[in-house]
Amino acid sequence: MRKLTFVCAFALFVSGSAVASEETDVLAPIHQFVDGFNKGDVKSALGACAEETSIIDEFPPHEWHGAGACAKWADDYVANAKKDAITDGVVKLHKPARVTVSGDRAYVVVPSDYSWKQKGKPMQETRAAFSFALSKGAGGWKIIAWTWSAP
């Protein structure tokens, strides 16, 4: 009986570790994207995206998709920030509300805050939902879609 209990406990430990590792792997490109954005490192941020990506965000044109969508979004973010005198944009990720992995696909929802300055005045969006779809290929996990939904 002791042996069976040990085997069951060990199996639960190993499977829990595998799930934790898979979740860590899935979250890595999300952190890469946000860390790159926060540091102004566009190359790093874009490196987290798949070539074909779909994006919905709150500034015009609000939707980007297809080849190079992350780069197009970044260009439009910079243009919109310049037009609206937005500087110092920073996204803070909280503990994921949901991480679902189904083979080589994943869905992640991360409560997030966005702070920035507009014409020098501090601004903030809190409790936004940053949702991601990811795909795992030869190069690891990549973001294939994301949405920013502010309350």
Protein backbone atom coordinates (compact mmCIF):
# COMPACT_ATOMS: atom_id res chain seq x y z
CA MET A 1 0.00 0.00 0.00
CA ARG A 2 2.85 2.40 0.82
CA LYS A 3 4.43 1.67 -2.53
CA LEU A 4 1.17 2.41 -4.36
CA THR A 5 0.71 5.65 -2.42
CA PHE A 6 4.27 6.71 -3.29
CA VAL A 7 3.79 5.86 -6.98
CA CYS A 8 0.53 7.85 -7.11
CA ALA A 9 2.08 10.83 -5.32
CA PHE A 10 5.10 10.75 -7.63
CA ALA A 11 2.86 10.57 -10.73
CA LEU A 12 0.87 13.60 -9.54
CA PHE A 13 4.10 15.51 -8.86
CA VAL A 14 5.52 14.73 -12.29
CA SER A 15 2.30 15.57 -14.11
CA GLY A 16 1.99 18.82 -12.13
CA SER A 17 5.57 19.73 -13.06
CA ALA A 18 4.87 19.01 -16.74
CA VAL A 19 1.79 21.25 -16.66
CA ALA A 20 3.74 24.03 -14.92
CA SER A 21 6.53 23.77 -17.49
CA GLU A 22 4.04 23.84 -20.38
CA GLU A 23 2.33 26.90 -18.90
CA THR A 24 5.70 28.62 -18.44
CA ASP A 25 6.58 27.84 -22.07
CA VAL A 26 3.24 29.23 -23.32
CA LEU A 27 3.60 32.42 -21.26
CA ALA A 28 7.19 33.08 -22.45
CA PRO A 29 6.29 34.79 -25.77
CA ILE A 30 3.63 36.88 -24.01
CA HIS A 31 6.23 38.15 -21.55
CA GLN A 32 8.69 38.65 -24.42
CA PHE A 33 6.14 40.75 -26.30
CA VAL A 34 5.21 42.88 -23.28
CA ASP A 35 8.80 43.24 -22.02
CA GLY A 36 9.90 44.32 -25.51
CA PHE A 37 7.03 46.82 -25.69
CA ASN A 38 7.84 48.22 -22.24
CA LYS A 39 11.53 48.65 -23.12
CA GLY A 40 10.86 50.05 -26.58
CA ASP A 41 12.58 46.98 -28.05
CA VAL A 42 10.40 46.46 -31.10
CA LYS A 43 12.58 43.66 -32.47
CA SER A 44 12.15 41.61 -29.29
CA ALA A 45 8.40 42.28 -29.11
CA LEU A 46 7.87 41.33 -32.75
CA GLY A 47 9.97 38.20 -32.27
CA ALA A 48 7.17 36.81 -30.08
CA CYS A 49 4.67 37.03 -32.94
CA ALA A 50 4.06 34.51 -35.69
CA GLU A 51 4.37 35.87 -39.22
CA GLU A 52 0.59 35.55 -39.67
CA THR A 53 -1.14 37.30 -36.76
CA SER A 54 -4.54 38.83 -35.96
CA ILE A 55 -4.82 41.80 -33.60
CA ILE A 56 -7.68 43.88 -32.20
CA ASP A 57 -6.79 47.00 -30.22
CA GLU A 58 -8.46 50.22 -29.15
CA PHE A 59 -6.73 52.69 -31.50
CA PRO A 60 -7.33 53.05 -35.26
CA PRO A 61 -7.54 51.13 -37.45
CA HIS A 62 -8.47 48.76 -34.55
CA GLU A 63 -7.74 45.54 -36.47
CA TRP A 64 -4.62 44.08 -38.09
CA HIS A 65 -4.24 40.65 -39.63
CA GLY A 66 -2.10 38.63 -41.97
CA ALA A 67 1.58 38.63 -42.74
CA GLY A 68 3.50 41.22 -40.73
CA ALA A 69 0.46 42.25 -38.67
CA CYS A 70 2.49 42.73 -35.48
CA ALA A 71 4.89 45.08 -37.28
CA LYS A 72 1.98 46.99 -38.83
CA TRP A 73 0.38 47.29 -35.38
CA ALA A 74 3.67 48.60 -33.95
CA ASP A 75 3.95 51.22 -36.71
CA ASP A 76 0.36 52.33 -36.13
CA TYR A 77 0.89 52.42 -32.36
CA VAL A 78 3.86 54.77 -32.84
CA ALA A 79 1.90 56.97 -35.28
CA ASN A 80 -1.10 57.13 -32.94
CA ALA A 81 1.11 57.87 -29.93
CA LYS A 82 2.75 60.72 -31.82
CA LYS A 83 -0.61 62.11 -32.98
CA ASP A 84 -2.09 61.96 -29.44
CA ALA A 85 1.13 63.03 -27.63
CA ILE A 86 1.39 59.67 -25.83
CA THR A 87 4.72 58.72 -24.23
CA ASP A 88 6.07 56.25 -21.68
CA GLY A 89 3.56 53.47 -22.37
CA VAL A 90 3.98 50.49 -20.02
CA VAL A 91 1.90 47.32 -19.72
CA LYS A 92 1.81 45.46 -16.41
CA LEU A 93 0.71 41.84 -16.58
CA HIS A 94 -1.02 40.23 -13.61
CA LYS A 95 -1.42 36.53 -12.85
CA PRO A 96 -3.10 34.83 -15.83
CA ALA A 97 -6.81 34.32 -15.34
CA ARG A 98 -6.81 31.45 -17.83
CA VAL A 99 -4.22 29.30 -19.57
CA THR A 100 -5.59 26.53 -21.74
CA VAL A 101 -3.23 24.35 -23.76
CA SER A 102 -4.63 21.95 -26.36
CA GLY A 103 -1.74 20.19 -28.09
CA ASP A 104 0.04 22.78 -30.23
CA ARG A 105 -2.51 25.57 -29.51
CA ALA A 106 -3.04 27.70 -26.45
CA TYR A 107 -5.45 30.37 -25.21
CA VAL A 108 -4.38 32.79 -22.47
CA VAL A 109 -6.19 35.64 -20.71
CA VAL A 110 -4.07 37.96 -18.58
CA PRO A 111 -5.56 40.82 -16.54
CA SER A 112 -3.37 43.83 -17.33
CA ASP A 113 -2.86 47.51 -16.65
CA TYR A 114 -1.59 50.08 -19.13
CA SER A 115 -0.08 53.36 -17.98
CA TRP A 116 1.22 56.22 -20.11
CA LYS A 117 1.59 59.97 -20.26
CA GLN A 118 -0.57 62.05 -22.57
CA LYS A 119 0.73 65.58 -23.08
CA GLY A 120 2.81 64.93 -19.95
CA LYS A 121 -0.19 63.97 -17.80
CA PRO A 122 -0.14 60.46 -16.23
CA MET A 123 -2.95 58.23 -17.50
CA GLN A 124 -3.93 54.65 -16.75
CA GLU A 125 -6.22 51.82 -17.84
CA THR A 126 -6.66 49.18 -15.19
CA ARG A 127 -8.23 45.73 -15.23
CA ALA A 128 -7.99 45.34 -18.99
CA ALA A 129 -8.09 41.87 -20.49
CA PHE A 130 -5.13 40.96 -22.68
CA SER A 131 -6.14 37.78 -24.50
CA PHE A 132 -3.83 35.66 -26.64
CA ALA A 133 -4.00 32.68 -28.99
CA LEU A 134 -0.69 30.91 -29.52
CA SER A 135 0.62 28.16 -31.73
CA LYS A 136 3.59 25.88 -31.16
CA GLY A 137 5.83 25.16 -34.12
CA ALA A 138 9.46 24.27 -34.75
CA GLY A 139 10.56 27.58 -33.18
CA GLY A 140 8.45 27.11 -30.05
CA TRP A 141 5.34 29.02 -29.00
CA LYS A 142 4.39 32.14 -30.98
CA ILE A 143 1.51 34.59 -30.65
CA ILE A 144 -0.94 34.10 -33.53
CA ALA A 145 -3.63 36.48 -32.22
CA TRP A 146 -4.20 38.95 -29.41
CA THR A 147 -6.80 41.42 -28.24
CA TRP A 148 -6.68 44.28 -25.77
CA SER A 149 -10.03 44.94 -24.09
CA ALA A 150 -10.13 47.87 -21.70
CA PRO A 151 -13.11 48.35 -19.37
